[in-house]
Amino acid sequence: MRREFAVDWNSLPDIKRFQNQLASRAIELSASERQLQKQKDFDACQTIFTTDISHVYASLVLNAEPDYYVYAHLDPTRRVAIGKRGMTTFAATLGMNYFPFYIGKGTGNRCYETARNETHRKVAQKLSRLGKSIQILKLKQNLTESQALQMEAKLIDIFGLLPHGGLLVNLDEGHHSAARRACYRDAFLSLNRLNEGMFRNSCLPAV
């Protein structure tokens, strides 16, 4: 919709009224664009999470028994706000009440073992000083090793690694990162603002 305004450039009240109208419209447009971006980010997260990448892992010799699970270590000082960002809304659909800072797969009591890397240790120490502890959440259980690897990898692609502007302190990006990202190229690239370093390093094939 196009609107035209008649403004008397010699009238200060007219100019101020026009300024107020422009400012109000800019606020409306900004809010609309933010909402569209949040939906776009959420849709990208969902696309990555639901894309079948099993063929990427077909060459690996893995345990076919459903003994595995995927888990997250959460930071209880950073609460997830549903609707604030597309990524946080997606995190909430997985049952996360707080931001994840580590994603892993394992069997048995692996998720409760909090001795990881140096950055992970520093997060744990920070929480301890605040009288808090790592929140541990099993995201999905009864998985084969391949299924667990795939889910872990996709969540790393969604939440990103800390050195690249993401959230996670994991040391690597998982198996066959370029091959799996090619399976959801557009969704992965659309999250560029969130984890931009991972996109520069992903070596995705050109279209």
C-alpha atoms as a PDB file:
ATOM      1  CA  MET A   1       0.000   0.000   0.000  1.00  0.00           C
ATOM      2  CA  ARG A   2       1.314   3.412  -0.998  1.00  0.00           C
ATOM      3  CA  ARG A   3       0.496   6.583   0.885  1.00  0.00           C
ATOM      4  CA  GLU A   4       1.223  10.168  -0.074  1.00  0.00           C
ATOM      5  CA  PHE A   5       1.595  13.090   2.326  1.00  0.00           C
ATOM      6  CA  ALA A   6       1.230  16.814   1.761  1.00  0.00           C
ATOM      7  CA  VAL A   7       3.585  18.719   4.049  1.00  0.00           C
ATOM      8  CA  ASP A   8       4.015  22.441   4.385  1.00  0.00           C
ATOM      9  CA  TRP A   9       7.794  22.774   4.621  1.00  0.00           C
ATOM     10  CA  ASN A  10       7.395  26.183   6.187  1.00  0.00           C
ATOM     11  CA  SER A  11       5.189  24.834   8.994  1.00  0.00           C
ATOM     12  CA  LEU A  12       7.022  23.378  11.977  1.00  0.00           C
ATOM     13  CA  PRO A  13       3.856  21.627  13.339  1.00  0.00           C
ATOM     14  CA  ASP A  14       3.324  20.027   9.914  1.00  0.00           C
ATOM     15  CA  ILE A  15       6.901  18.782   9.771  1.00  0.00           C
ATOM     16  CA  LYS A  16       6.768  17.398  13.324  1.00  0.00           C
ATOM     17  CA  ARG A  17       3.481  15.634  12.585  1.00  0.00           C
ATOM     18  CA  PHE A  18       5.057  14.093   9.485  1.00  0.00           C
ATOM     19  CA  GLN A  19       8.102  13.000  11.503  1.00  0.00           C
ATOM     20  CA  ASN A  20       5.850  11.293  14.059  1.00  0.00           C
ATOM     21  CA  GLN A  21       3.943   9.488  11.328  1.00  0.00           C
ATOM     22  CA  LEU A  22       7.192   8.254   9.766  1.00  0.00           C
ATOM     23  CA  ALA A  23       8.566   7.115  13.127  1.00  0.00           C
ATOM     24  CA  SER A  24       5.362   5.234  13.928  1.00  0.00           C
ATOM     25  CA  ARG A  25       5.393   3.495  10.546  1.00  0.00           C
ATOM     26  CA  ALA A  26       9.076   2.594  10.914  1.00  0.00           C
ATOM     27  CA  ILE A  27       8.319   0.934  14.255  1.00  0.00           C
ATOM     28  CA  GLU A  28       5.468  -1.061  12.670  1.00  0.00           C
ATOM     29  CA  LEU A  29       7.650  -2.213   9.783  1.00  0.00           C
ATOM     30  CA  SER A  30      10.544  -3.102  12.087  1.00  0.00           C
ATOM     31  CA  ALA A  31       8.279  -5.235  14.289  1.00  0.00           C
ATOM     32  CA  SER A  32       6.859  -6.979  11.229  1.00  0.00           C
ATOM     33  CA  GLU A  33      10.323  -7.712   9.840  1.00  0.00           C
ATOM     34  CA  ARG A  34      11.499  -9.084  13.196  1.00  0.00           C
ATOM     35  CA  GLN A  35       8.492 -11.395  13.333  1.00  0.00           C
ATOM     36  CA  LEU A  36       9.159 -12.642   9.810  1.00  0.00           C
ATOM     37  CA  GLN A  37      12.821 -13.244  10.648  1.00  0.00           C
ATOM     38  CA  LYS A  38      11.920 -15.180  13.795  1.00  0.00           C
ATOM     39  CA  GLN A  39       9.604 -17.406  11.768  1.00  0.00           C
ATOM     40  CA  LYS A  40      12.275 -17.867   9.102  1.00  0.00           C
ATOM     41  CA  ASP A  41      14.847 -18.881  11.729  1.00  0.00           C
ATOM     42  CA  PHE A  42      12.406 -21.293  13.374  1.00  0.00           C
ATOM     43  CA  ASP A  43      11.534 -22.873  10.018  1.00  0.00           C
ATOM     44  CA  ALA A  44      15.245 -23.252   9.207  1.00  0.00           C
ATOM     45  CA  CYS A  45      15.848 -25.011  12.533  1.00  0.00           C
ATOM     46  CA  GLN A  46      12.915 -27.346  11.900  1.00  0.00           C
ATOM     47  CA  THR A  47      14.072 -28.111   8.362  1.00  0.00           C
ATOM     48  CA  ILE A  48      17.560 -29.042   9.537  1.00  0.00           C
ATOM     49  CA  PHE A  49      16.215 -31.133  12.409  1.00  0.00           C
ATOM     50  CA  THR A  50      13.763 -33.132  10.282  1.00  0.00           C
ATOM     51  CA  THR A  51      15.922 -33.679   7.168  1.00  0.00           C
ATOM     52  CA  ASP A  52      16.980 -37.284   6.570  1.00  0.00           C
ATOM     53  CA  ILE A  53      20.785 -37.439   6.495  1.00  0.00           C
ATOM     54  CA  SER A  54      21.116 -41.159   7.224  1.00  0.00           C
ATOM     55  CA  HIS A  55      22.858 -41.843   3.891  1.00  0.00           C
ATOM     56  CA  VAL A  56      25.727 -39.579   4.949  1.00  0.00           C
ATOM     57  CA  TYR A  57      26.538 -41.990   7.785  1.00  0.00           C
ATOM     58  CA  ALA A  58      25.899 -45.228   5.878  1.00  0.00           C
ATOM     59  CA  SER A  59      29.623 -45.925   5.388  1.00  0.00           C
ATOM     60  CA  LEU A  60      30.417 -45.819   9.114  1.00  0.00           C
ATOM     61  CA  VAL A  61      30.538 -49.030  11.134  1.00  0.00           C
ATOM     62  CA  LEU A  62      28.222 -48.260  14.037  1.00  0.00           C
ATOM     63  CA  ASN A  63      26.318 -50.007  16.789  1.00  0.00           C
ATOM     64  CA  ALA A  64      22.807 -50.887  15.593  1.00  0.00           C
ATOM     65  CA  GLU A  65      21.435 -51.527  19.090  1.00  0.00           C
ATOM     66  CA  PRO A  66      19.049 -48.822  20.409  1.00  0.00           C
ATOM     67  CA  ASP A  67      21.259 -48.089  23.411  1.00  0.00           C
ATOM     68  CA  TYR A  68      22.039 -44.440  22.711  1.00  0.00           C
ATOM     69  CA  TYR A  69      20.538 -41.092  23.563  1.00  0.00           C
ATOM     70  CA  VAL A  70      21.236 -37.448  22.731  1.00  0.00           C
ATOM     71  CA  TYR A  71      21.507 -34.971  25.573  1.00  0.00           C
ATOM     72  CA  ALA A  72      22.108 -31.299  26.260  1.00  0.00           C
ATOM     73  CA  HIS A  73      23.910 -29.495  29.038  1.00  0.00           C
ATOM     74  CA  LEU A  74      21.962 -26.327  29.776  1.00  0.00           C
ATOM     75  CA  ASP A  75      22.977 -23.052  31.411  1.00  0.00           C
ATOM     76  CA  PRO A  76      20.369 -22.271  34.120  1.00  0.00           C
ATOM     77  CA  THR A  77      21.375 -18.590  34.129  1.00  0.00           C
ATOM     78  CA  ARG A  78      20.068 -18.182  30.565  1.00  0.00           C
ATOM     79  CA  ARG A  79      16.374 -18.937  30.356  1.00  0.00           C
ATOM     80  CA  VAL A  80      14.811 -19.692  26.976  1.00  0.00           C
ATOM     81  CA  ALA A  81      12.107 -17.202  26.024  1.00  0.00           C
ATOM     82  CA  ILE A  82       9.532 -18.715  23.676  1.00  0.00           C
ATOM     83  CA  GLY A  83       8.765 -16.328  20.850  1.00  0.00           C
ATOM     84  CA  LYS A  84      11.747 -14.040  21.382  1.00  0.00           C
ATOM     85  CA  ARG A  85      13.900 -15.706  18.723  1.00  0.00           C
ATOM     86  CA  GLY A  86      13.285 -18.455  16.220  1.00  0.00           C
ATOM     87  CA  MET A  87      16.106 -20.502  17.707  1.00  0.00           C
ATOM     88  CA  THR A  88      14.855 -20.179  21.289  1.00  0.00           C
ATOM     89  CA  THR A  89      11.347 -21.160  20.224  1.00  0.00           C
ATOM     90  CA  PHE A  90      12.813 -24.225  18.511  1.00  0.00           C
ATOM     91  CA  ALA A  91      14.852 -25.051  21.634  1.00  0.00           C
ATOM     92  CA  ALA A  92      11.650 -24.934  23.670  1.00  0.00           C
ATOM     93  CA  THR A  93      10.033 -27.510  21.366  1.00  0.00           C
ATOM     94  CA  LEU A  94      12.805 -29.895  22.427  1.00  0.00           C
ATOM     95  CA  GLY A  95      11.984 -29.348  26.087  1.00  0.00           C
ATOM     96  CA  MET A  96      14.799 -26.906  26.810  1.00  0.00           C
ATOM     97  CA  ASN A  97      13.993 -24.323  29.479  1.00  0.00           C
ATOM     98  CA  TYR A  98      17.518 -22.881  29.290  1.00  0.00           C
ATOM     99  CA  PHE A  99      20.075 -22.244  26.568  1.00  0.00           C
ATOM    100  CA  PRO A 100      22.217 -25.269  25.663  1.00  0.00           C
ATOM    101  CA  PHE A 101      25.983 -24.927  25.829  1.00  0.00           C
ATOM    102  CA  TYR A 102      26.900 -28.523  25.042  1.00  0.00           C
ATOM    103  CA  ILE A 103      25.253 -31.237  22.911  1.00  0.00           C
ATOM    104  CA  GLY A 104      26.345 -34.856  23.087  1.00  0.00           C
ATOM    105  CA  LYS A 105      25.386 -38.471  22.542  1.00  0.00           C
ATOM    106  CA  GLY A 106      26.040 -41.361  24.849  1.00  0.00           C
ATOM    107  CA  THR A 107      24.969 -44.480  26.659  1.00  0.00           C
ATOM    108  CA  GLY A 108      24.573 -45.274  30.326  1.00  0.00           C
ATOM    109  CA  ASN A 109      25.576 -42.358  32.577  1.00  0.00           C
ATOM    110  CA  ARG A 110      27.539 -40.439  29.954  1.00  0.00           C
ATOM    111  CA  CYS A 111      25.313 -37.338  30.125  1.00  0.00           C
ATOM    112  CA  TYR A 112      25.993 -36.973  33.861  1.00  0.00           C
ATOM    113  CA  GLU A 113      29.768 -36.912  33.388  1.00  0.00           C
ATOM    114  CA  THR A 114      30.586 -33.215  33.211  1.00  0.00           C
ATOM    115  CA  ALA A 115      34.348 -33.437  32.649  1.00  0.00           C
ATOM    116  CA  ARG A 116      34.591 -32.257  29.047  1.00  0.00           C
ATOM    117  CA  ASN A 117      36.879 -29.590  27.639  1.00  0.00           C
ATOM    118  CA  GLU A 118      38.375 -26.468  29.192  1.00  0.00           C
ATOM    119  CA  THR A 119      35.573 -24.128  28.120  1.00  0.00           C
ATOM    120  CA  HIS A 120      32.976 -26.553  29.455  1.00  0.00           C
ATOM    121  CA  ARG A 121      34.853 -26.589  32.765  1.00  0.00           C
ATOM    122  CA  LYS A 122      34.826 -22.800  32.921  1.00  0.00           C
ATOM    123  CA  VAL A 123      31.050 -22.718  32.401  1.00  0.00           C
ATOM    124  CA  ALA A 124      30.629 -25.265  35.201  1.00  0.00           C
ATOM    125  CA  GLN A 125      32.862 -23.191  37.485  1.00  0.00           C
ATOM    126  CA  LYS A 126      30.918 -20.024  36.726  1.00  0.00           C
ATOM    127  CA  LEU A 127      27.662 -21.764  37.587  1.00  0.00           C
ATOM    128  CA  SER A 128      29.168 -23.163  40.793  1.00  0.00           C
ATOM    129  CA  ARG A 129      30.196 -19.674  41.913  1.00  0.00           C
ATOM    130  CA  LEU A 130      26.591 -18.600  41.414  1.00  0.00           C
ATOM    131  CA  GLY A 131      25.334 -21.504  43.473  1.00  0.00           C
ATOM    132  CA  LYS A 132      23.929 -23.273  40.411  1.00  0.00           C
ATOM    133  CA  SER A 133      24.752 -26.423  38.495  1.00  0.00           C
ATOM    134  CA  ILE A 134      24.556 -27.698  34.940  1.00  0.00           C
ATOM    135  CA  GLN A 135      21.049 -28.738  33.951  1.00  0.00           C
ATOM    136  CA  ILE A 136      21.104 -32.066  32.120  1.00  0.00           C
ATOM    137  CA  LEU A 137      18.391 -32.928  29.633  1.00  0.00           C
ATOM    138  CA  LYS A 138      18.032 -36.139  27.644  1.00  0.00           C
ATOM    139  CA  LEU A 139      16.516 -34.995  24.373  1.00  0.00           C
ATOM    140  CA  LYS A 140      15.794 -38.407  22.834  1.00  0.00           C
ATOM    141  CA  GLN A 141      16.456 -41.968  23.954  1.00  0.00           C
ATOM    142  CA  ASN A 142      16.468 -45.501  22.513  1.00  0.00           C
ATOM    143  CA  LEU A 143      18.504 -44.496  19.453  1.00  0.00           C
ATOM    144  CA  THR A 144      21.004 -46.470  17.426  1.00  0.00           C
ATOM    145  CA  GLU A 145      24.495 -45.004  17.276  1.00  0.00           C
ATOM    146  CA  SER A 146      23.833 -43.711  13.766  1.00  0.00           C
ATOM    147  CA  GLN A 147      20.583 -42.025  14.802  1.00  0.00           C
ATOM    148  CA  ALA A 148      22.306 -40.449  17.791  1.00  0.00           C
ATOM    149  CA  LEU A 149      25.184 -39.183  15.646  1.00  0.00           C
ATOM    150  CA  GLN A 150      22.774 -37.661  13.159  1.00  0.00           C
ATOM    151  CA  MET A 151      20.689 -35.881  15.784  1.00  0.00           C
ATOM    152  CA  GLU A 152      23.771 -34.627  17.605  1.00  0.00           C
ATOM    153  CA  ALA A 153      25.247 -33.290  14.349  1.00  0.00           C
ATOM    154  CA  LYS A 154      22.053 -31.512  13.305  1.00  0.00           C
ATOM    155  CA  LEU A 155      21.737 -29.822  16.700  1.00  0.00           C
ATOM    156  CA  ILE A 156      25.350 -28.656  16.425  1.00  0.00           C
ATOM    157  CA  ASP A 157      24.480 -27.144  13.042  1.00  0.00           C
ATOM    158  CA  ILE A 158      21.442 -25.418  14.539  1.00  0.00           C
ATOM    159  CA  PHE A 159      22.959 -24.034  17.735  1.00  0.00           C
ATOM    160  CA  GLY A 160      26.494 -23.516  16.422  1.00  0.00           C
ATOM    161  CA  LEU A 161      29.899 -23.617  18.058  1.00  0.00           C
ATOM    162  CA  LEU A 162      30.994 -20.831  20.397  1.00  0.00           C
ATOM    163  CA  PRO A 163      34.155 -19.866  18.437  1.00  0.00           C
ATOM    164  CA  HIS A 164      31.972 -19.254  15.373  1.00  0.00           C
ATOM    165  CA  GLY A 165      29.323 -17.141  17.080  1.00  0.00           C
ATOM    166  CA  GLY A 166      27.136 -20.019  18.251  1.00  0.00           C
ATOM    167  CA  LEU A 167      26.191 -21.352  21.678  1.00  0.00           C
ATOM    168  CA  LEU A 168      28.036 -24.644  22.069  1.00  0.00           C
ATOM    169  CA  VAL A 169      31.423 -25.375  23.634  1.00  0.00           C
ATOM    170  CA  ASN A 170      31.768 -28.676  21.733  1.00  0.00           C
ATOM    171  CA  LEU A 171      35.235 -28.994  20.244  1.00  0.00           C
ATOM    172  CA  ASP A 172      34.206 -30.202  16.792  1.00  0.00           C
ATOM    173  CA  GLU A 173      31.309 -30.101  14.361  1.00  0.00           C
ATOM    174  CA  GLY A 174      30.724 -33.843  14.071  1.00  0.00           C
ATOM    175  CA  HIS A 175      31.221 -36.357  11.272  1.00  0.00           C
ATOM    176  CA  HIS A 176      30.932 -35.394   7.580  1.00  0.00           C
ATOM    177  CA  SER A 177      29.922 -31.796   8.279  1.00  0.00           C
ATOM    178  CA  ALA A 178      30.033 -30.573   4.666  1.00  0.00           C
ATOM    179  CA  ALA A 179      28.130 -33.594   3.308  1.00  0.00           C
ATOM    180  CA  ARG A 180      25.324 -33.365   5.830  1.00  0.00           C
ATOM    181  CA  ARG A 181      24.981 -29.586   5.459  1.00  0.00           C
ATOM    182  CA  ALA A 182      24.577 -30.013   1.721  1.00  0.00           C
ATOM    183  CA  CYS A 183      21.364 -31.931   2.537  1.00  0.00           C
ATOM    184  CA  TYR A 184      19.797 -28.807   4.051  1.00  0.00           C
ATOM    185  CA  ARG A 185      21.914 -26.169   2.391  1.00  0.00           C
ATOM    186  CA  ASP A 186      19.320 -23.369   2.168  1.00  0.00           C
ATOM    187  CA  ALA A 187      18.164 -23.740   5.767  1.00  0.00           C
ATOM    188  CA  PHE A 188      21.745 -23.911   6.983  1.00  0.00           C
ATOM    189  CA  LEU A 189      22.782 -20.800   5.055  1.00  0.00           C
ATOM    190  CA  SER A 190      19.731 -18.875   6.265  1.00  0.00           C
ATOM    191  CA  LEU A 191      21.081 -19.122   9.822  1.00  0.00           C
ATOM    192  CA  ASN A 192      24.248 -17.310   8.743  1.00  0.00           C
ATOM    193  CA  ARG A 193      23.634 -14.367  11.114  1.00  0.00           C
ATOM    194  CA  LEU A 194      23.539 -16.727  14.083  1.00  0.00           C
ATOM    195  CA  ASN A 195      26.608 -18.913  13.487  1.00  0.00           C
ATOM    196  CA  GLU A 196      28.437 -17.078  10.739  1.00  0.00           C
ATOM    197  CA  GLY A 197      31.854 -18.641  11.328  1.00  0.00           C
ATOM    198  CA  MET A 198      30.531 -22.152  10.754  1.00  0.00           C
ATOM    199  CA  PHE A 199      29.191 -21.096   7.377  1.00  0.00           C
ATOM    200  CA  ARG A 200      32.496 -19.639   6.237  1.00  0.00           C
ATOM    201  CA  ASN A 201      34.219 -22.896   7.200  1.00  0.00           C
ATOM    202  CA  SER A 202      31.600 -25.352   5.964  1.00  0.00           C
ATOM    203  CA  CYS A 203      32.931 -25.760   2.378  1.00  0.00           C
ATOM    204  CA  LEU A 204      29.453 -26.277   0.984  1.00  0.00           C
ATOM    205  CA  PRO A 205      29.368 -27.017  -2.729  1.00  0.00           C
ATOM    206  CA  ALA A 206      28.358 -24.108  -4.935  1.00  0.00           C
ATOM    207  CA  VAL A 207      24.907 -24.065  -6.483  1.00  0.00           C
END
